[in-house]
C-alpha atoms as a PDB file:
ATOM      1  CA  MET A   1      -0.441   0.134   0.199  1.00  0.00           C
ATOM      2  CA  LYS A   2       1.331   3.354  -1.154  1.00  0.00           C
ATOM      3  CA  VAL A   3      -0.342   6.656   1.449  1.00  0.00           C
ATOM      4  CA  ASP A   4       0.515  10.268   0.477  1.00  0.00           C
ATOM      5  CA  SER A   5       0.595  12.900   2.398  1.00  0.00           C
ATOM      6  CA  SER A   6       1.730  16.991   2.441  1.00  0.00           C
ATOM      7  CA  PHE A   7       0.726  20.505   3.870  1.00  0.00           C
ATOM      8  CA  VAL A   8       1.806  24.037   3.281  1.00  0.00           C
ATOM      9  CA  VAL A   9       1.954  27.121   6.060  1.00  0.00           C
ATOM     10  CA  ASN A  10       1.442  29.585   4.197  1.00  0.00           C
ATOM     11  CA  ASP A  11       2.011  33.609   5.943  1.00  0.00           C
ATOM     12  CA  ALA A  12       4.090  37.131   5.513  1.00  0.00           C
ATOM     13  CA  SER A  13       7.445  35.609   7.482  1.00  0.00           C
ATOM     14  CA  ILE A  14       7.194  32.179   5.561  1.00  0.00           C
ATOM     15  CA  ALA A  15       6.665  29.478   2.875  1.00  0.00           C
ATOM     16  CA  PHE A  16       7.011  25.564   3.784  1.00  0.00           C
ATOM     17  CA  SER A  17       5.591  22.515   2.151  1.00  0.00           C
ATOM     18  CA  SER A  18       5.972  19.177   2.632  1.00  0.00           C
ATOM     19  CA  ALA A  19       5.236  16.637   1.435  1.00  0.00           C
ATOM     20  CA  LYS A  20       5.882  12.252   2.290  1.00  0.00           C
ATOM     21  CA  THR A  21       5.442   9.478   0.372  1.00  0.00           C
ATOM     22  CA  ASP A  22       5.050   5.737   2.678  1.00  0.00           C
ATOM     23  CA  TRP A  23       5.042   2.009   1.679  1.00  0.00           C
ATOM     24  CA  TYR A  24       3.749  -0.240   2.944  1.00  0.00           C
ATOM     25  CA  ALA A  25       3.764  -4.754   3.358  1.00  0.00           C
ATOM     26  CA  LEU A  26       0.961  -6.470   4.716  1.00  0.00           C
ATOM     27  CA  GLY A  27       2.827  -8.644   7.529  1.00  0.00           C
ATOM     28  CA  LEU A  28       5.939  -6.166   7.639  1.00  0.00           C
ATOM     29  CA  GLY A  29       4.466  -2.345   8.075  1.00  0.00           C
ATOM     30  CA  MET A  30       5.862  -0.032   6.603  1.00  0.00           C
ATOM     31  CA  VAL A  31       8.731  -0.862   4.066  1.00  0.00           C
ATOM     32  CA  LYS A  32       9.560   2.623   2.750  1.00  0.00           C
ATOM     33  CA  SER A  33       9.094   5.581   3.416  1.00  0.00           C
ATOM     34  CA  ILE A  34      10.237   9.701   0.975  1.00  0.00           C
ATOM     35  CA  HIS A  35       9.898  12.688   2.518  1.00  0.00           C
ATOM     36  CA  TYR A  36      11.006  15.632   0.992  1.00  0.00           C
ATOM     37  CA  GLY A  37       9.746  20.364   1.281  1.00  0.00           C
ATOM     38  CA  GLY A  38      10.925  22.940   0.878  1.00  0.00           C
ATOM     39  CA  VAL A  39      11.813  26.747   3.155  1.00  0.00           C
ATOM     40  CA  VAL A  40      11.141  29.698   1.280  1.00  0.00           C
ATOM     41  CA  LEU A  41      12.288  32.751   3.751  1.00  0.00           C
ATOM     42  CA  PRO A  42      10.912  35.918   2.487  1.00  0.00           C
ATOM     43  CA  GLY A  43      14.152  37.536   0.234  1.00  0.00           C
ATOM     44  CA  GLU A  44      14.763  33.809  -0.972  1.00  0.00           C
ATOM     45  CA  LEU A  45      15.078  31.780  -3.484  1.00  0.00           C
ATOM     46  CA  PRO A  46      13.270  27.609  -2.581  1.00  0.00           C
ATOM     47  CA  HIS A  47      15.676  25.202  -1.934  1.00  0.00           C
ATOM     48  CA  GLU A  48      15.019  21.751  -0.769  1.00  0.00           C
ATOM     49  CA  ILE A  49      15.358  20.084   1.557  1.00  0.00           C
ATOM     50  CA  VAL A  50      15.672  15.985   0.850  1.00  0.00           C
ATOM     51  CA  GLU A  51      15.122  13.271   2.595  1.00  0.00           C
ATOM     52  CA  THR A  52      15.086   9.813   1.999  1.00  0.00           C
ATOM     53  CA  TRP A  53      15.187   6.670   4.055  1.00  0.00           C
ATOM     54  CA  ASP A  54      14.099   2.666   3.861  1.00  0.00           C
ATOM     55  CA  LEU A  55      12.975   1.125   6.733  1.00  0.00           C
ATOM     56  CA  THR A  56      14.698  -2.824   5.354  1.00  0.00           C
ATOM     57  CA  GLY A  57      15.383  -3.703   8.293  1.00  0.00           C
ATOM     58  CA  HIS A  58      11.890  -4.240   9.390  1.00  0.00           C
ATOM     59  CA  GLY A  59      11.625  -7.767   7.353  1.00  0.00           C
ATOM     60  CA  THR A  60      12.001  -8.199   3.542  1.00  0.00           C
ATOM     61  CA  LEU A  61      10.151 -10.506   1.584  1.00  0.00           C
ATOM     62  CA  SER A  62      11.898 -13.743   2.344  1.00  0.00           C
ATOM     63  CA  SER A  63      10.189 -16.242   0.074  1.00  0.00           C
ATOM     64  CA  PRO A  64       9.475 -16.599  -3.614  1.00  0.00           C
ATOM     65  CA  PRO A  65       6.105 -15.316  -4.597  1.00  0.00           C
ATOM     66  CA  PRO A  66       3.152 -17.741  -4.544  1.00  0.00           C
ATOM     67  CA  GLN A  67       3.096 -19.967  -7.292  1.00  0.00           C
ATOM     68  CA  LEU A  68      -1.115 -21.752  -8.181  1.00  0.00           C
ATOM     69  CA  LEU A  69      -0.410 -24.432 -10.443  1.00  0.00           C
ATOM     70  CA  SER A  70      -3.733 -25.836 -10.843  1.00  0.00           C
ATOM     71  CA  ILE A  71      -7.458 -25.929  -8.596  1.00  0.00           C
ATOM     72  CA  SER A  72     -10.213 -28.580  -9.059  1.00  0.00           C
ATOM     73  CA  PRO A  73     -12.728 -28.751  -8.621  1.00  0.00           C
ATOM     74  CA  SER A  74     -12.834 -26.057 -12.253  1.00  0.00           C
ATOM     75  CA  ALA A  75     -16.159 -25.605 -12.192  1.00  0.00           C
ATOM     76  CA  GLY A  76     -18.651 -25.453  -9.782  1.00  0.00           C
ATOM     77  CA  PRO A  77     -22.496 -23.886  -9.117  1.00  0.00           C
ATOM     78  CA  VAL A  78     -23.110 -20.780  -9.549  1.00  0.00           C
ATOM     79  CA  ALA A  79     -24.598 -20.339  -6.140  1.00  0.00           C
ATOM     80  CA  GLY A  80     -21.084 -21.377  -4.921  1.00  0.00           C
ATOM     81  CA  GLY A  81     -20.547 -23.546  -1.824  1.00  0.00           C
ATOM     82  CA  THR A  82     -18.011 -25.715  -4.176  1.00  0.00           C
ATOM     83  CA  GLU A  83     -14.798 -27.117  -2.219  1.00  0.00           C
ATOM     84  CA  VAL A  84     -11.649 -26.415  -4.305  1.00  0.00           C
ATOM     85  CA  THR A  85      -8.671 -27.571  -3.786  1.00  0.00           C
ATOM     86  CA  LEU A  86      -5.477 -25.271  -5.297  1.00  0.00           C
ATOM     87  CA  THR A  87      -2.824 -26.955  -5.788  1.00  0.00           C
ATOM     88  CA  GLY A  88       0.619 -25.273  -5.781  1.00  0.00           C
ATOM     89  CA  ASN A  89       4.282 -23.940  -4.601  1.00  0.00           C
ATOM     90  CA  PHE A  90       4.863 -21.816  -1.634  1.00  0.00           C
ATOM     91  CA  PHE A  91       1.878 -20.675  -0.344  1.00  0.00           C
ATOM     92  CA  SER A  92       1.984 -19.436   3.095  1.00  0.00           C
ATOM     93  CA  PHE A  93       0.102 -19.516   6.682  1.00  0.00           C
ATOM     94  CA  GLY A  94      -2.530 -16.618   5.927  1.00  0.00           C
ATOM     95  CA  ALA A  95      -2.817 -16.061   1.762  1.00  0.00           C
ATOM     96  CA  GLN A  96      -6.546 -14.949  -0.013  1.00  0.00           C
ATOM     97  CA  VAL A  97      -8.282 -16.367  -2.418  1.00  0.00           C
ATOM     98  CA  THR A  98     -10.313 -14.680  -4.949  1.00  0.00           C
ATOM     99  CA  ILE A  99     -11.900 -15.630  -8.846  1.00  0.00           C
ATOM    100  CA  TRP A 100     -11.549 -13.368 -10.279  1.00  0.00           C
ATOM    101  CA  GLN A 101     -12.562 -10.177  -7.570  1.00  0.00           C
ATOM    102  CA  LEU A 102     -15.109 -12.202  -5.051  1.00  0.00           C
ATOM    103  CA  ALA A 103     -13.379 -12.994  -2.236  1.00  0.00           C
ATOM    104  CA  VAL A 104     -12.881 -16.664  -1.267  1.00  0.00           C
ATOM    105  CA  THR A 105     -13.866 -18.162   1.190  1.00  0.00           C
ATOM    106  CA  SER A 106     -13.137 -21.071   4.429  1.00  0.00           C
ATOM    107  CA  VAL A 107      -9.186 -20.119   2.938  1.00  0.00           C
ATOM    108  CA  THR A 108      -7.222 -23.109   5.061  1.00  0.00           C
ATOM    109  CA  VAL A 109      -3.324 -23.385   4.309  1.00  0.00           C
ATOM    110  CA  GLU A 110      -2.999 -26.782   4.534  1.00  0.00           C
ATOM    111  CA  SER A 111       1.231 -26.496   3.457  1.00  0.00           C
ATOM    112  CA  PRO A 112       3.122 -24.557   0.665  1.00  0.00           C
ATOM    113  CA  THR A 113       1.193 -26.992  -1.819  1.00  0.00           C
ATOM    114  CA  VAL A 114      -1.700 -26.929  -0.491  1.00  0.00           C
ATOM    115  CA  ILE A 115      -4.634 -24.857  -0.052  1.00  0.00           C
ATOM    116  CA  LYS A 116      -8.632 -25.726   0.283  1.00  0.00           C
ATOM    117  CA  ALA A 117     -11.407 -23.350   0.257  1.00  0.00           C
ATOM    118  CA  VAL A 118     -14.910 -22.780  -1.173  1.00  0.00           C
ATOM    119  CA  THR A 119     -16.792 -20.954  -3.803  1.00  0.00           C
ATOM    120  CA  PRO A 120     -18.364 -18.266  -3.497  1.00  0.00           C
ATOM    121  CA  PRO A 121     -21.564 -16.723  -5.390  1.00  0.00           C
ATOM    122  CA  GLY A 122     -21.121 -15.779  -8.383  1.00  0.00           C
ATOM    123  CA  PHE A 123     -21.899 -15.420 -12.508  1.00  0.00           C
ATOM    124  CA  SER A 124     -21.827 -17.623 -15.803  1.00  0.00           C
ATOM    125  CA  ALA A 125     -17.797 -16.717 -16.413  1.00  0.00           C
ATOM    126  CA  THR A 126     -14.732 -18.939 -16.498  1.00  0.00           C
ATOM    127  CA  LEU A 127     -12.420 -16.310 -14.790  1.00  0.00           C
ATOM    128  CA  ASP A 128      -8.987 -15.938 -13.226  1.00  0.00           C
ATOM    129  CA  VAL A 129      -8.057 -16.678  -9.213  1.00  0.00           C
ATOM    130  CA  THR A 130      -5.306 -15.598  -7.465  1.00  0.00           C
ATOM    131  CA  VAL A 131      -3.812 -16.886  -4.064  1.00  0.00           C
ATOM    132  CA  VAL A 132      -2.116 -13.438  -2.521  1.00  0.00           C
ATOM    133  CA  ASN A 133       0.088 -14.097   0.512  1.00  0.00           C
ATOM    134  CA  ALA A 134       0.622 -12.668   3.284  1.00  0.00           C
ATOM    135  CA  ASP A 135       3.707 -10.702   2.226  1.00  0.00           C
ATOM    136  CA  CYS A 136       1.700  -8.851  -0.441  1.00  0.00           C
ATOM    137  CA  GLN A 137       3.376 -11.572  -3.084  1.00  0.00           C
ATOM    138  CA  VAL A 138       0.577 -13.066  -5.959  1.00  0.00           C
ATOM    139  CA  SER A 139       0.026 -15.709  -8.250  1.00  0.00           C
ATOM    140  CA  ILE A 140      -2.597 -15.399 -10.462  1.00  0.00           C
ATOM    141  CA  LEU A 141      -3.995 -18.358 -12.346  1.00  0.00           C
ATOM    142  CA  GLU A 142      -5.903 -17.103 -15.664  1.00  0.00           C
ATOM    143  CA  ASP A 143      -9.859 -18.951 -16.783  1.00  0.00           C
ATOM    144  CA  ALA A 144      -8.556 -20.884 -14.017  1.00  0.00           C
ATOM    145  CA  PHE A 145     -12.842 -21.196 -13.090  1.00  0.00           C
ATOM    146  CA  THR A 146     -16.418 -21.279 -14.570  1.00  0.00           C
ATOM    147  CA  PHE A 147     -18.856 -20.570 -12.602  1.00  0.00           C
ATOM    148  CA  GLN A 148     -21.978 -22.480 -13.952  1.00  0.00           C
END
């Protein structure tokens, strides 16, 4: 997630502006921050204060991204409720699963290679299935599940 913020002070004695961009990773917290701004005193030209720092010491992406290889069964009713097994590699506990933009319920990461889940209600279509690990790394299997 990226968060941008800024503010400006402008009165007779001083003009000051500041902006900041922070990046956060799920399960890690803030991983990078950039702060920039400038102060202008009366009769002076603007100058910039630039500060950049990186908080990688607070955590890093230590595992490979997930690799979603298959989903079985690959079809189910529009009403949802189909129990499915996702197979692949590098699944992490706390992973989330979606079919298109529909959140899959009852997600259980049984191992780094198997996720069990229950499909949500959908609509008649063949859709992508996505696994997002707790560290925000993603794998997408295109056209992997069909609601009938």
